[in-house]
Amino acid sequence: MKFPIKVCTVCSEEFELKPDKPGFANRCPACSVPETTGPTTKGRMDADERKTATEANEARRQAMRDLLYRKE
């Protein structure tokens, strides 16, 4: 079975589009490799940051509740 020939949008090289190819269908396998831009782990939060985030989330929830269920 012949696979369709595609042209990579990044490097303009031709490649065969095979089933179960990782990445994008319009990029060759070399250009489909995900780029690593830094550490993927989250930094730890101290107590003040957690409290601030909790308060901000509660304020968002309260604002959404007010918008959704307000009586007019």
Protein backbone atom coordinates (compact mmCIF):
# COMPACT_ATOMS: atom_id res chain seq x y z
CA MET A 1 0.00 0.00 0.00
CA LYS A 2 1.38 3.38 -0.99
CA PHE A 3 1.24 6.21 1.49
CA PRO A 4 0.49 9.77 0.35
CA ILE A 5 3.46 12.04 -0.21
CA LYS A 6 3.23 15.31 1.72
CA VAL A 7 5.46 18.39 1.85
CA CYS A 8 6.57 19.60 5.28
CA THR A 9 5.37 23.13 6.06
CA VAL A 10 8.46 23.83 8.16
CA CYS A 11 11.41 22.52 6.16
CA SER A 12 9.68 21.93 2.75
CA GLU A 13 10.94 18.34 2.47
CA GLU A 14 8.77 15.54 1.13
CA PHE A 15 7.76 12.68 3.43
CA GLU A 16 5.31 9.77 3.46
CA LEU A 17 2.27 10.30 5.65
CA LYS A 18 1.99 6.97 7.45
CA PRO A 19 -0.72 5.90 9.90
CA ASP A 20 0.07 6.46 13.58
CA LYS A 21 2.78 9.01 12.72
CA PRO A 22 3.41 11.14 15.81
CA GLY A 23 3.02 14.89 15.49
CA PHE A 24 1.26 16.96 12.88
CA ALA A 25 0.07 15.63 9.52
CA ASN A 26 1.64 18.55 7.63
CA ARG A 27 5.12 18.20 9.21
CA CYS A 28 7.82 15.62 8.64
CA PRO A 29 8.81 13.37 11.57
CA ALA A 30 11.95 15.43 12.24
CA CYS A 31 9.96 18.67 12.53
CA SER A 32 7.17 17.04 14.57
CA VAL A 33 9.41 16.41 17.57
CA PRO A 34 8.10 18.54 20.46
CA GLU A 35 10.40 21.30 21.61
CA THR A 36 11.45 21.42 25.24
CA THR A 37 11.26 24.97 26.54
CA GLY A 38 12.30 24.41 30.12
CA PRO A 39 11.43 22.45 33.21
CA THR A 40 7.98 20.92 33.21
CA THR A 41 7.66 20.69 36.98
CA LYS A 42 5.80 23.34 38.87
CA GLY A 43 7.52 25.33 41.54
CA ARG A 44 6.41 24.92 45.10
CA MET A 45 4.12 27.56 46.58
CA ASP A 46 4.56 28.98 50.05
CA ALA A 47 1.66 29.66 52.43
CA ASP A 48 1.13 33.27 51.32
CA GLU A 49 0.94 32.30 47.62
CA ARG A 50 -1.53 29.50 48.40
CA LYS A 51 -3.69 31.89 50.44
CA THR A 52 -3.63 34.51 47.67
CA ALA A 53 -4.54 31.92 45.04
CA THR A 54 -7.36 30.56 47.21
CA GLU A 55 -8.77 34.04 47.77
CA ALA A 56 -8.57 34.86 44.06
CA ASN A 57 -10.33 31.61 43.14
CA GLU A 58 -13.06 32.27 45.69
CA ALA A 59 -13.54 35.79 44.30
CA ARG A 60 -13.83 34.34 40.76
CA ARG A 61 -16.37 31.77 41.90
CA GLN A 62 -18.41 34.44 43.71
CA ALA A 63 -18.36 36.74 40.66
CA MET A 64 -19.50 33.91 38.36
CA ARG A 65 -22.22 32.95 40.81
CA ASP A 66 -23.44 36.55 40.95
CA LEU A 67 -23.47 36.84 37.16
CA LEU A 68 -25.24 33.54 36.59
CA TYR A 69 -27.87 33.70 39.30
CA ARG A 70 -28.59 37.40 39.75
CA LYS A 71 -32.23 38.43 39.98
CA GLU A 72 -33.35 41.08 37.54
